[in-house]
Amino acid sequence: MSSRSIRVRVGEALLRTGTELAIDQRRLDEGMAAATGRNTAYSSAHGAVALARWVDSAILWLAWRVHPGTFAATVDHGTALTR
């Protein structure tokens, strides 16, 4: 198995996981926003949600760095061209 193949598989898995976590985190944010007005017990969970948002961002950043690019850019006389 080539390193590119491994990078593609790992990058796709991280992108999928990061996307799913972002969707779940968004639902949790909306649920907490709706419940916060009625019950202040959810206020302590805001720190956990902020940490989850940071972790999700880190996973998506890592996926972007690991996954090989879908196009190659070359520079020709100062202009970027795609192949």
PDB file of N, CA and C in Angstrom:
ATOM      1  N   MET A   1       0.847  -1.173   0.000  1.00  0.00           N
ATOM      2  CA  MET A   1       0.000   0.000   0.000  1.00  0.00           C
ATOM      3  C   MET A   1       0.892   1.235   0.000  1.00  0.00           C
ATOM      4  N   SER A   2       0.638   2.137  -0.896  1.00  0.00           N
ATOM      5  CA  SER A   2       1.470   3.337  -1.009  1.00  0.00           C
ATOM      6  C   SER A   2       1.126   4.358   0.070  1.00  0.00           C
ATOM      7  N   SER A   3       2.054   5.269   0.300  1.00  0.00           N
ATOM      8  CA  SER A   3       1.805   6.306   1.307  1.00  0.00           C
ATOM      9  C   SER A   3       0.661   7.223   0.870  1.00  0.00           C
ATOM     10  N   ARG A   4       0.508   7.436  -0.438  1.00  0.00           N
ATOM     11  CA  ARG A   4      -0.601   8.265  -0.917  1.00  0.00           C
ATOM     12  C   ARG A   4      -1.934   7.604  -0.624  1.00  0.00           C
ATOM     13  N   SER A   5      -1.999   6.287  -0.830  1.00  0.00           N
ATOM     14  CA  SER A   5      -3.229   5.556  -0.556  1.00  0.00           C
ATOM     15  C   SER A   5      -3.588   5.633   0.929  1.00  0.00           C
ATOM     16  N   ILE A   6      -2.585   5.508   1.781  1.00  0.00           N
ATOM     17  CA  ILE A   6      -2.829   5.606   3.223  1.00  0.00           C
ATOM     18  C   ILE A   6      -3.284   7.009   3.574  1.00  0.00           C
ATOM     19  N   ARG A   7      -2.633   8.026   3.003  1.00  0.00           N
ATOM     20  CA  ARG A   7      -3.025   9.402   3.272  1.00  0.00           C
ATOM     21  C   ARG A   7      -4.450   9.683   2.826  1.00  0.00           C
ATOM     22  N   VAL A   8      -4.845   9.141   1.677  1.00  0.00           N
ATOM     23  CA  VAL A   8      -6.210   9.334   1.193  1.00  0.00           C
ATOM     24  C   VAL A   8      -7.194   8.713   2.162  1.00  0.00           C
ATOM     25  N   ARG A   9      -6.935   7.481   2.577  1.00  0.00           N
ATOM     26  CA  ARG A   9      -7.858   6.798   3.492  1.00  0.00           C
ATOM     27  C   ARG A   9      -7.955   7.495   4.838  1.00  0.00           C
ATOM     28  N   VAL A  10      -6.811   7.887   5.394  1.00  0.00           N
ATOM     29  CA  VAL A  10      -6.807   8.582   6.686  1.00  0.00           C
ATOM     30  C   VAL A  10      -7.472   9.945   6.555  1.00  0.00           C
ATOM     31  N   GLY A  11      -7.133  10.679   5.497  1.00  0.00           N
ATOM     32  CA  GLY A  11      -7.732  12.001   5.292  1.00  0.00           C
ATOM     33  C   GLY A  11      -9.240  11.936   5.141  1.00  0.00           C
ATOM     34  N   GLU A  12      -9.727  10.962   4.364  1.00  0.00           N
ATOM     35  CA  GLU A  12     -11.175  10.821   4.181  1.00  0.00           C
ATOM     36  C   GLU A  12     -11.861  10.439   5.484  1.00  0.00           C
ATOM     37  N   ALA A  13     -11.241   9.553   6.267  1.00  0.00           N
ATOM     38  CA  ALA A  13     -11.821   9.172   7.554  1.00  0.00           C
ATOM     39  C   ALA A  13     -11.880  10.361   8.501  1.00  0.00           C
ATOM     40  N   LEU A  14     -10.817  11.161   8.537  1.00  0.00           N
ATOM     41  CA  LEU A  14     -10.813  12.343   9.396  1.00  0.00           C
ATOM     42  C   LEU A  14     -11.833  13.377   8.935  1.00  0.00           C
ATOM     43  N   LEU A  15     -11.951  13.569   7.633  1.00  0.00           N
ATOM     44  CA  LEU A  15     -12.955  14.509   7.123  1.00  0.00           C
ATOM     45  C   LEU A  15     -14.364  14.060   7.470  1.00  0.00           C
ATOM     46  N   ARG A  16     -14.622  12.769   7.320  1.00  0.00           N
ATOM     47  CA  ARG A  16     -15.943  12.228   7.651  1.00  0.00           C
ATOM     48  C   ARG A  16     -16.239  12.403   9.145  1.00  0.00           C
ATOM     49  N   THR A  17     -15.254  12.054   9.988  1.00  0.00           N
ATOM     50  CA  THR A  17     -15.428  12.191  11.436  1.00  0.00           C
ATOM     51  C   THR A  17     -15.614  13.649  11.834  1.00  0.00           C
ATOM     52  N   GLY A  18     -14.786  14.526  11.279  1.00  0.00           N
ATOM     53  CA  GLY A  18     -14.896  15.947  11.608  1.00  0.00           C
ATOM     54  C   GLY A  18     -16.230  16.537  11.198  1.00  0.00           C
ATOM     55  N   THR A  19     -16.731  16.113  10.038  1.00  0.00           N
ATOM     56  CA  THR A  19     -18.023  16.598   9.567  1.00  0.00           C
ATOM     57  C   THR A  19     -19.150  16.107  10.463  1.00  0.00           C
ATOM     58  N   GLU A  20     -19.106  14.824  10.829  1.00  0.00           N
ATOM     59  CA  GLU A  20     -20.142  14.280  11.718  1.00  0.00           C
ATOM     60  C   GLU A  20     -20.116  14.965  13.077  1.00  0.00           C
ATOM     61  N   LEU A  21     -18.908  15.212  13.604  1.00  0.00           N
ATOM     62  CA  LEU A  21     -18.803  15.902  14.890  1.00  0.00           C
ATOM     63  C   LEU A  21     -19.329  17.329  14.799  1.00  0.00           C
ATOM     64  N   ALA A  22     -19.075  17.997  13.692  1.00  0.00           N
ATOM     65  CA  ALA A  22     -19.567  19.369  13.523  1.00  0.00           C
ATOM     66  C   ALA A  22     -21.092  19.398  13.498  1.00  0.00           C
ATOM     67  N   ILE A  23     -21.696  18.421  12.834  1.00  0.00           N
ATOM     68  CA  ILE A  23     -23.161  18.353  12.782  1.00  0.00           C
ATOM     69  C   ILE A  23     -23.729  18.080  14.174  1.00  0.00           C
ATOM     70  N   ASP A  24     -23.128  17.119  14.890  1.00  0.00           N
ATOM     71  CA  ASP A  24     -23.589  16.815  16.248  1.00  0.00           C
ATOM     72  C   ASP A  24     -23.419  18.005  17.180  1.00  0.00           C
ATOM     73  N   GLN A  25     -22.294  18.694  17.050  1.00  0.00           N
ATOM     74  CA  GLN A  25     -22.028  19.850  17.898  1.00  0.00           C
ATOM     75  C   GLN A  25     -23.022  20.967  17.622  1.00  0.00           C
ATOM     76  N   ARG A  26     -23.388  21.150  16.374  1.00  0.00           N
ATOM     77  CA  ARG A  26     -24.373  22.174  16.003  1.00  0.00           C
ATOM     78  C   ARG A  26     -25.731  21.869  16.626  1.00  0.00           C
ATOM     79  N   ARG A  27     -26.140  20.593  16.565  1.00  0.00           N
ATOM     80  CA  ARG A  27     -27.412  20.193  17.195  1.00  0.00           C
ATOM     81  C   ARG A  27     -27.372  20.413  18.701  1.00  0.00           C
ATOM     82  N   LEU A  28     -26.235  20.083  19.322  1.00  0.00           N
ATOM     83  CA  LEU A  28     -26.097  20.285  20.760  1.00  0.00           C
ATOM     84  C   LEU A  28     -26.175  21.767  21.105  1.00  0.00           C
ATOM     85  N   ASP A  29     -25.504  22.603  20.320  1.00  0.00           N
ATOM     86  CA  ASP A  29     -25.576  24.058  20.530  1.00  0.00           C
ATOM     87  C   ASP A  29     -27.016  24.554  20.473  1.00  0.00           C
ATOM     88  N   GLU A  30     -27.747  24.112  19.456  1.00  0.00           N
ATOM     89  CA  GLU A  30     -29.129  24.556  19.297  1.00  0.00           C
ATOM     90  C   GLU A  30     -29.995  24.074  20.454  1.00  0.00           C
ATOM     91  N   GLY A  31     -29.804  22.830  20.877  1.00  0.00           N
ATOM     92  CA  GLY A  31     -30.568  22.294  22.009  1.00  0.00           C
ATOM     93  C   GLY A  31     -30.261  23.023  23.299  1.00  0.00           C
ATOM     94  N   MET A  32     -28.990  23.327  23.518  1.00  0.00           N
ATOM     95  CA  MET A  32     -28.627  24.052  24.736  1.00  0.00           C
ATOM     96  C   MET A  32     -29.153  25.482  24.714  1.00  0.00           C
ATOM     97  N   ALA A  33     -29.124  26.099  23.547  1.00  0.00           N
ATOM     98  CA  ALA A  33     -29.636  27.473  23.444  1.00  0.00           C
ATOM     99  C   ALA A  33     -31.130  27.509  23.751  1.00  0.00           C
ATOM    100  N   ALA A  34     -31.846  26.493  23.293  1.00  0.00           N
ATOM    101  CA  ALA A  34     -33.286  26.437  23.554  1.00  0.00           C
ATOM    102  C   ALA A  34     -33.568  26.128  25.020  1.00  0.00           C
ATOM    103  N   ALA A  35     -32.729  25.304  25.641  1.00  0.00           N
ATOM    104  CA  ALA A  35     -32.969  24.884  27.024  1.00  0.00           C
ATOM    105  C   ALA A  35     -32.415  25.861  28.045  1.00  0.00           C
ATOM    106  N   THR A  36     -31.461  26.679  27.690  1.00  0.00           N
ATOM    107  CA  THR A  36     -30.810  27.566  28.644  1.00  0.00           C
ATOM    108  C   THR A  36     -31.784  28.548  29.270  1.00  0.00           C
ATOM    109  N   GLY A  37     -32.727  29.021  28.510  1.00  0.00           N
ATOM    110  CA  GLY A  37     -33.693  29.966  29.059  1.00  0.00           C
ATOM    111  C   GLY A  37     -34.558  29.351  30.147  1.00  0.00           C
ATOM    112  N   ARG A  38     -34.826  28.056  30.045  1.00  0.00           N
ATOM    113  CA  ARG A  38     -35.682  27.387  31.023  1.00  0.00           C
ATOM    114  C   ARG A  38     -34.908  26.804  32.193  1.00  0.00           C
ATOM    115  N   ASN A  39     -33.673  26.376  31.971  1.00  0.00           N
ATOM    116  CA  ASN A  39     -32.931  25.681  33.006  1.00  0.00           C
ATOM    117  C   ASN A  39     -31.471  26.107  32.946  1.00  0.00           C
ATOM    118  N   THR A  40     -30.959  26.657  34.037  1.00  0.00           N
ATOM    119  CA  THR A  40     -29.583  27.124  34.046  1.00  0.00           C
ATOM    120  C   THR A  40     -28.581  26.007  34.309  1.00  0.00           C
ATOM    121  N   ALA A  41     -29.031  24.781  34.508  1.00  0.00           N
ATOM    122  CA  ALA A  41     -28.113  23.660  34.722  1.00  0.00           C
ATOM    123  C   ALA A  41     -27.261  23.393  33.496  1.00  0.00           C
ATOM    124  N   TYR A  42     -27.726  23.804  32.323  1.00  0.00           N
ATOM    125  CA  TYR A  42     -26.965  23.578  31.101  1.00  0.00           C
ATOM    126  C   TYR A  42     -25.798  24.550  30.943  1.00  0.00           C
ATOM    127  N   SER A  43     -25.740  25.582  31.756  1.00  0.00           N
ATOM    128  CA  SER A  43     -24.693  26.588  31.590  1.00  0.00           C
ATOM    129  C   SER A  43     -23.306  26.003  31.816  1.00  0.00           C
ATOM    130  N   SER A  44     -23.173  24.985  32.664  1.00  0.00           N
ATOM    131  CA  SER A  44     -21.859  24.380  32.888  1.00  0.00           C
ATOM    132  C   SER A  44     -21.391  23.572  31.687  1.00  0.00           C
ATOM    133  N   ALA A  45     -22.291  23.219  30.798  1.00  0.00           N
ATOM    134  CA  ALA A  45     -21.926  22.436  29.618  1.00  0.00           C
ATOM    135  C   ALA A  45     -21.334  23.301  28.509  1.00  0.00           C
ATOM    136  N   HIS A  46     -21.428  24.615  28.630  1.00  0.00           N
ATOM    137  CA  HIS A  46     -20.908  25.487  27.580  1.00  0.00           C
ATOM    138  C   HIS A  46     -19.398  25.334  27.407  1.00  0.00           C
ATOM    139  N   GLY A  47     -18.674  25.080  28.500  1.00  0.00           N
ATOM    140  CA  GLY A  47     -17.235  24.843  28.401  1.00  0.00           C
ATOM    141  C   GLY A  47     -16.927  23.577  27.621  1.00  0.00           C
ATOM    142  N   ALA A  48     -17.718  22.541  27.849  1.00  0.00           N
ATOM    143  CA  ALA A  48     -17.536  21.289  27.118  1.00  0.00           C
ATOM    144  C   ALA A  48     -17.832  21.476  25.637  1.00  0.00           C
ATOM    145  N   VAL A  49     -18.826  22.279  25.334  1.00  0.00           N
ATOM    146  CA  VAL A  49     -19.166  22.543  23.938  1.00  0.00           C
ATOM    147  C   VAL A  49     -18.046  23.331  23.264  1.00  0.00           C
ATOM    148  N   ALA A  50     -17.464  24.279  23.974  1.00  0.00           N
ATOM    149  CA  ALA A  50     -16.344  25.045  23.417  1.00  0.00           C
ATOM    150  C   ALA A  50     -15.151  24.131  23.151  1.00  0.00           C
ATOM    151  N   LEU A  51     -14.876  23.205  24.062  1.00  0.00           N
ATOM    152  CA  LEU A  51     -13.789  22.251  23.853  1.00  0.00           C
ATOM    153  C   LEU A  51     -14.088  21.346  22.665  1.00  0.00           C
ATOM    154  N   ALA A  52     -15.326  20.898  22.543  1.00  0.00           N
ATOM    155  CA  ALA A  52     -15.718  20.055  21.403  1.00  0.00           C
ATOM    156  C   ALA A  52     -15.543  20.805  20.092  1.00  0.00           C
ATOM    157  N   ARG A  53     -15.853  22.078  20.083  1.00  0.00           N
ATOM    158  CA  ARG A  53     -15.685  22.898  18.879  1.00  0.00           C
ATOM    159  C   ARG A  53     -14.208  22.999  18.505  1.00  0.00           C
ATOM    160  N   TRP A  54     -13.338  23.153  19.517  1.00  0.00           N
ATOM    161  CA  TRP A  54     -11.900  23.234  19.274  1.00  0.00           C
ATOM    162  C   TRP A  54     -11.370  21.900  18.734  1.00  0.00           C
ATOM    163  N   VAL A  55     -11.799  20.787  19.328  1.00  0.00           N
ATOM    164  CA  VAL A  55     -11.363  19.462  18.875  1.00  0.00           C
ATOM    165  C   VAL A  55     -11.824  19.216  17.443  1.00  0.00           C
ATOM    166  N   ASP A  56     -13.054  19.589  17.135  1.00  0.00           N
ATOM    167  CA  ASP A  56     -13.573  19.424  15.779  1.00  0.00           C
ATOM    168  C   ASP A  56     -12.740  20.233  14.782  1.00  0.00           C
ATOM    169  N   SER A  57     -12.403  21.438  15.142  1.00  0.00           N
ATOM    170  CA  SER A  57     -11.569  22.262  14.266  1.00  0.00           C
ATOM    171  C   SER A  57     -10.201  21.628  14.063  1.00  0.00           C
ATOM    172  N   ALA A  58      -9.639  21.067  15.121  1.00  0.00           N
ATOM    173  CA  ALA A  58      -8.325  20.422  15.015  1.00  0.00           C
ATOM    174  C   ALA A  58      -8.390  19.188  14.120  1.00  0.00           C
ATOM    175  N   ILE A  59      -9.456  18.407  14.227  1.00  0.00           N
ATOM    176  CA  ILE A  59      -9.611  17.217  13.380  1.00  0.00           C
ATOM    177  C   ILE A  59      -9.741  17.619  11.914  1.00  0.00           C
ATOM    178  N   LEU A  60     -10.550  18.632  11.641  1.00  0.00           N
ATOM    179  CA  LEU A  60     -10.706  19.078  10.258  1.00  0.00           C
ATOM    180  C   LEU A  60      -9.414  19.665   9.704  1.00  0.00           C
ATOM    181  N   TRP A  61      -8.660  20.405  10.525  1.00  0.00           N
ATOM    182  CA  TRP A  61      -7.373  20.936  10.082  1.00  0.00           C
ATOM    183  C   TRP A  61      -6.411  19.803   9.753  1.00  0.00           C
ATOM    184  N   LEU A  62      -6.347  18.802  10.651  1.00  0.00           N
ATOM    185  CA  LEU A  62      -5.461  17.667  10.425  1.00  0.00           C
ATOM    186  C   LEU A  62      -5.860  16.902   9.166  1.00  0.00           C
ATOM    187  N   ALA A  63      -7.153  16.713   8.959  1.00  0.00           N
ATOM    188  CA  ALA A  63      -7.630  16.022   7.757  1.00  0.00           C
ATOM    189  C   ALA A  63      -7.219  16.782   6.508  1.00  0.00           C
ATOM    190  N   TRP A  64      -7.320  18.098   6.562  1.00  0.00           N
ATOM    191  CA  TRP A  64      -6.944  18.919   5.418  1.00  0.00           C
ATOM    192  C   TRP A  64      -5.446  18.808   5.136  1.00  0.00           C
ATOM    193  N   ARG A  65      -4.626  18.721   6.203  1.00  0.00           N
ATOM    194  CA  ARG A  65      -3.182  18.614   6.046  1.00  0.00           C
ATOM    195  C   ARG A  65      -2.762  17.224   5.565  1.00  0.00           C
ATOM    196  N   VAL A  66      -3.462  16.172   6.008  1.00  0.00           N
ATOM    197  CA  VAL A  66      -3.084  14.792   5.678  1.00  0.00           C
ATOM    198  C   VAL A  66      -3.555  14.406   4.285  1.00  0.00           C
ATOM    199  N   HIS A  67      -4.768  14.778   3.944  1.00  0.00           N
ATOM    200  CA  HIS A  67      -5.359  14.373   2.671  1.00  0.00           C
ATOM    201  C   HIS A  67      -4.598  15.024   1.527  1.00  0.00           C
ATOM    202  N   PRO A  68      -4.149  14.211   0.560  1.00  0.00           N
ATOM    203  CA  PRO A  68      -3.438  14.804  -0.573  1.00  0.00           C
ATOM    204  C   PRO A  68      -4.358  15.718  -1.376  1.00  0.00           C
ATOM    205  N   GLY A  69      -3.781  16.713  -1.990  1.00  0.00           N
ATOM    206  CA  GLY A  69      -4.565  17.671  -2.765  1.00  0.00           C
ATOM    207  C   GLY A  69      -5.248  17.031  -3.957  1.00  0.00           C
ATOM    208  N   THR A  70      -6.341  17.625  -4.363  1.00  0.00           N
ATOM    209  CA  THR A  70      -7.073  17.106  -5.509  1.00  0.00           C
ATOM    210  C   THR A  70      -6.562  17.688  -6.813  1.00  0.00           C
ATOM    211  N   PHE A  71      -5.722  18.705  -6.722  1.00  0.00           N
ATOM    212  CA  PHE A  71      -5.119  19.261  -7.926  1.00  0.00           C
ATOM    213  C   PHE A  71      -3.708  19.705  -7.581  1.00  0.00           C
ATOM    214  N   ALA A  72      -2.873  19.750  -8.570  1.00  0.00           N
ATOM    215  CA  ALA A  72      -1.495  20.195  -8.371  1.00  0.00           C
ATOM    216  C   ALA A  72      -1.356  21.590  -8.956  1.00  0.00           C
ATOM    217  N   ALA A  73      -0.765  22.461  -8.218  1.00  0.00           N
ATOM    218  CA  ALA A  73      -0.565  23.832  -8.682  1.00  0.00           C
ATOM    219  C   ALA A  73       0.886  23.991  -9.124  1.00  0.00           C
ATOM    220  N   THR A  74       1.071  24.636 -10.226  1.00  0.00           N
ATOM    221  CA  THR A  74       2.424  24.956 -10.687  1.00  0.00           C
ATOM    222  C   THR A  74       2.503  26.450 -10.891  1.00  0.00           C
ATOM    223  N   VAL A  75       3.683  26.971 -10.785  1.00  0.00           N
ATOM    224  CA  VAL A  75       3.878  28.406 -10.969  1.00  0.00           C
ATOM    225  C   VAL A  75       4.632  28.612 -12.268  1.00  0.00           C
ATOM    226  N   ASP A  76       4.069  29.437 -13.122  1.00  0.00           N
ATOM    227  CA  ASP A  76       4.689  29.726 -14.401  1.00  0.00           C
ATOM    228  C   ASP A  76       4.672  31.233 -14.599  1.00  0.00           C
ATOM    229  N   HIS A  77       5.832  31.852 -14.505  1.00  0.00           N
ATOM    230  CA  HIS A  77       5.969  33.296 -14.684  1.00  0.00           C
ATOM    231  C   HIS A  77       5.067  34.080 -13.720  1.00  0.00           C
ATOM    232  N   GLY A  78       5.009  33.594 -12.480  1.00  0.00           N
ATOM    233  CA  GLY A  78       4.275  34.322 -11.467  1.00  0.00           C
ATOM    234  C   GLY A  78       2.786  34.073 -11.423  1.00  0.00           C
ATOM    235  N   THR A  79       2.258  33.197 -12.270  1.00  0.00           N
ATOM    236  CA  THR A  79       0.820  32.906 -12.224  1.00  0.00           C
ATOM    237  C   THR A  79       0.638  31.446 -11.868  1.00  0.00           C
ATOM    238  N   ALA A  80      -0.347  31.156 -11.032  1.00  0.00           N
ATOM    239  CA  ALA A  80      -0.624  29.781 -10.627  1.00  0.00           C
ATOM    240  C   ALA A  80      -1.552  29.131 -11.654  1.00  0.00           C
ATOM    241  N   LEU A  81      -1.168  27.962 -12.083  1.00  0.00           N
ATOM    242  CA  LEU A  81      -1.964  27.202 -13.041  1.00  0.00           C
ATOM    243  C   LEU A  81      -2.291  25.851 -12.437  1.00  0.00           C
ATOM    244  N   THR A  82      -3.457  25.300 -12.751  1.00  0.00           N
ATOM    245  CA  THR A  82      -3.794  23.965 -12.274  1.00  0.00           C
ATOM    246  C   THR A  82      -3.712  22.996 -13.444  1.00  0.00           C
ATOM    247  N   ARG A  83      -3.365  21.778 -13.117  1.00  0.00           N
ATOM    248  CA  ARG A  83      -3.267  20.766 -14.147  1.00  0.00           C
ATOM    249  C   ARG A  83      -4.505  19.917 -14.187  1.00  0.00           C
TER     250      ARG A  83
END
